[in-house]
């Protein structure tokens, strides 16, 4: 067999081996993949939901002093959060008697820079691991009363009608 024939045979064999490996990876990924057994409607005990206290999850926030606190749970890496910045700017300029605390998994300095670049002015920025907070995704907005109980909660990029509901909830006066 000539040198050209040996090279062609080697190239063909290499192509076949690579094709078999790609097929194996695709088969493993798409056919043998385990389905996600966690149903989205089932809430784990550690997750925050409306009506649940946020005890010990945001240490140092004085819920009683604030009366009502809007907690913005966001991330600088979340494109939904970035898309929501104009709404957050509206929230912070709404003039409601609500303290606003931004919570991010990134550093406080990074969070402050991220918010100020979007014209979002909050009362406080905190760095907290989202899992310890009991939040499974960003963005999440939680309205917390003076007892530390979540009275309203919104998750994800909000549609205009949902944004209106958030603004209405902030304008409600509590006794």
Protein backbone atom coordinates (compact mmCIF):
# COMPACT_ATOMS: atom_id res chain seq x y z
CA UNK A 1 0.00 0.00 0.00
CA UNK A 2 1.30 3.42 -0.93
CA UNK A 3 1.83 6.29 1.48
CA UNK A 4 -1.17 8.15 0.05
CA UNK A 5 -3.34 5.08 0.60
CA UNK A 6 -2.18 4.76 4.23
CA UNK A 7 -2.94 8.43 4.89
CA UNK A 8 -6.40 8.10 3.34
CA UNK A 9 -7.16 4.97 5.40
CA UNK A 10 -6.01 6.69 8.60
CA UNK A 11 -8.11 9.77 7.84
CA UNK A 12 -11.20 7.65 7.15
CA UNK A 13 -10.72 5.67 10.36
CA UNK A 14 -10.26 8.89 12.37
CA UNK A 15 -13.44 10.35 10.87
CA UNK A 16 -15.39 7.22 11.80
CA UNK A 17 -14.06 7.27 15.39
CA UNK A 18 -14.96 10.95 15.83
CA UNK A 19 -18.45 10.37 14.39
CA UNK A 20 -19.02 7.45 16.80
CA UNK A 21 -17.89 9.59 19.76
CA UNK A 22 -20.21 12.44 18.77
CA UNK A 23 -23.11 10.01 18.42
CA UNK A 24 -22.34 8.55 21.85
CA UNK A 25 -22.29 11.98 23.48
CA UNK A 26 -25.53 13.03 21.79
CA UNK A 27 -27.21 9.75 22.76
CA UNK A 28 -26.09 10.13 26.36
CA UNK A 29 -27.16 13.78 26.53
CA UNK A 30 -30.56 13.55 24.89
CA UNK A 31 -31.72 9.95 25.25
CA UNK A 32 -30.30 8.88 28.59
CA UNK A 33 -30.72 12.26 30.31
CA UNK A 34 -32.61 12.04 33.59
CA UNK A 35 -35.73 14.23 33.65
CA UNK A 36 -35.93 17.00 36.22
CA UNK A 37 -38.14 15.43 38.87
CA UNK A 38 -38.66 18.65 40.82
CA UNK A 39 -41.99 20.17 39.97
CA UNK A 40 -42.03 23.97 39.89
CA UNK A 41 -45.23 24.20 41.98
CA UNK A 42 -43.70 22.36 44.92
CA UNK A 43 -42.00 24.79 47.28
CA UNK A 44 -39.18 23.58 49.47
CA UNK A 45 -39.31 24.49 53.14
CA UNK A 46 -36.34 26.80 52.72
CA UNK A 47 -37.90 28.87 49.95
CA UNK A 48 -39.57 32.19 50.63
CA UNK A 49 -43.22 32.51 49.67
CA UNK A 50 -45.94 35.06 50.28
CA UNK A 51 -47.09 34.90 53.90
CA UNK A 52 -43.78 33.47 55.18
CA UNK A 53 -41.42 35.26 57.56
CA UNK A 54 -37.95 36.13 56.37
CA UNK A 55 -36.51 35.44 59.84
CA UNK A 56 -32.72 35.50 59.91
CA UNK A 57 -32.38 35.58 56.13
CA UNK A 58 -31.48 39.27 55.96
CA UNK A 59 -29.69 39.89 59.23
CA UNK A 60 -29.55 43.53 60.23
CA UNK A 61 -32.65 44.72 58.38
CA UNK A 62 -34.98 46.36 60.90
CA UNK A 63 -38.37 45.39 59.50
CA UNK A 64 -40.25 47.16 62.32
CA UNK A 65 -38.39 50.44 61.80
CA UNK A 66 -38.86 50.29 58.02
CA UNK A 67 -42.62 49.50 58.35
CA UNK A 68 -42.63 48.23 54.76
CA UNK A 69 -39.59 47.10 52.83
CA UNK A 70 -39.29 46.24 49.17
CA UNK A 71 -36.53 43.69 48.68
CA UNK A 72 -35.10 43.61 45.15
CA UNK A 73 -33.34 40.28 44.67
CA UNK A 74 -31.24 40.73 41.55
CA UNK A 75 -27.96 39.73 39.97
CA UNK A 76 -25.58 41.69 37.78
CA UNK A 77 -25.38 38.61 35.51
CA UNK A 78 -29.16 38.27 35.02
CA UNK A 79 -30.40 39.61 31.68
CA UNK A 80 -33.98 39.80 33.03
CA UNK A 81 -32.69 42.02 35.85
CA UNK A 82 -30.92 44.23 33.33
CA UNK A 83 -34.11 44.42 31.25
CA UNK A 84 -36.00 45.43 34.42
CA UNK A 85 -33.68 48.32 35.41
CA UNK A 86 -35.99 50.99 33.92
CA UNK A 87 -38.84 49.64 36.09
CA UNK A 88 -36.58 49.59 39.17
CA UNK A 89 -35.73 53.22 38.41
CA UNK A 90 -39.48 53.96 38.36
CA UNK A 91 -39.91 52.09 41.67
CA UNK A 92 -37.23 54.06 43.43
CA UNK A 93 -38.71 57.36 42.22
CA UNK A 94 -42.34 56.44 42.99
CA UNK A 95 -42.29 58.36 46.27
CA UNK A 96 -43.93 55.53 48.20
CA UNK A 97 -43.26 55.26 51.94
CA UNK A 98 -41.29 52.05 51.46
CA UNK A 99 -37.65 51.31 52.19
CA UNK A 100 -35.88 49.56 49.32
CA UNK A 101 -33.16 46.98 49.94
CA UNK A 102 -31.31 45.49 46.97
CA UNK A 103 -29.92 42.00 47.52
CA UNK A 104 -27.35 40.51 45.16
CA UNK A 105 -25.00 37.55 45.23
CA UNK A 106 -22.24 39.89 44.00
CA UNK A 107 -20.27 42.27 46.22
CA UNK A 108 -21.91 45.37 47.67
CA UNK A 109 -19.61 47.63 45.63
CA UNK A 110 -20.48 45.80 42.40
CA UNK A 111 -24.18 45.98 43.27
CA UNK A 112 -24.03 49.69 44.03
CA UNK A 113 -22.23 50.39 40.77
CA UNK A 114 -24.72 48.26 38.81
CA UNK A 115 -27.71 50.06 40.33
CA UNK A 116 -26.29 53.57 40.09
CA UNK A 117 -25.39 53.05 36.41
CA UNK A 118 -29.11 52.42 35.82
CA UNK A 119 -30.23 55.37 37.92
CA UNK A 120 -31.68 53.08 40.59
CA UNK A 121 -31.34 54.58 44.06
CA UNK A 122 -32.01 52.22 46.97
CA UNK A 123 -31.77 52.63 50.74
CA UNK A 124 -29.41 49.70 51.18
CA UNK A 125 -27.44 47.14 49.15
CA UNK A 126 -26.67 43.72 50.61
CA UNK A 127 -24.58 40.79 49.43
CA UNK A 128 -26.39 37.53 50.21
CA UNK A 129 -26.29 34.07 48.68
CA UNK A 130 -29.66 33.62 47.01
CA UNK A 131 -30.00 30.07 48.34
CA UNK A 132 -29.63 31.27 51.93
CA UNK A 133 -32.28 33.88 51.25
CA UNK A 134 -34.68 31.22 50.01
CA UNK A 135 -35.00 32.67 46.52
CA UNK A 136 -34.64 30.39 43.52
CA UNK A 137 -34.28 32.95 40.76
CA UNK A 138 -33.74 36.54 39.80
CA UNK A 139 -35.28 38.98 39.58
CA UNK A 140 -37.56 38.57 42.60
CA UNK A 141 -39.35 41.42 44.36
CA UNK A 142 -40.67 40.91 47.89
CA UNK A 143 -42.75 43.40 49.83
CA UNK A 144 -42.13 42.73 53.52
CA UNK A 145 -44.21 44.19 56.36
CA UNK A 146 -43.01 45.44 59.77
CA UNK A 147 -43.25 41.90 61.22
CA UNK A 148 -40.86 40.52 58.59
CA UNK A 149 -43.62 38.70 56.68
CA UNK A 150 -43.71 38.69 52.87
CA UNK A 151 -47.02 40.33 51.95
CA UNK A 152 -46.51 40.40 48.18
CA UNK A 153 -44.03 38.71 45.88
CA UNK A 154 -43.24 38.93 42.17
CA UNK A 155 -40.79 36.69 40.31
CA UNK A 156 -39.20 37.15 36.92
CA UNK A 157 -39.32 39.89 34.32
CA UNK A 158 -42.63 41.61 34.98
CA UNK A 159 -45.13 42.48 32.27
CA UNK A 160 -46.60 46.02 32.26
CA UNK A 161 -49.79 44.92 34.07
CA UNK A 162 -47.69 43.26 36.79
CA UNK A 163 -45.54 46.39 37.12
CA UNK A 164 -48.75 48.37 37.69
CA UNK A 165 -49.72 45.93 40.46
CA UNK A 166 -46.32 46.38 42.12
CA UNK A 167 -46.67 50.17 42.05
CA UNK A 168 -50.22 49.90 43.44
CA UNK A 169 -49.02 47.63 46.27
CA UNK A 170 -46.32 50.16 47.15
CA UNK A 171 -48.83 53.02 47.22
CA UNK A 172 -51.19 51.17 49.62
CA UNK A 173 -51.11 52.80 53.00
CA UNK A 174 -50.87 50.47 55.99
CA UNK A 175 -52.36 51.25 59.36
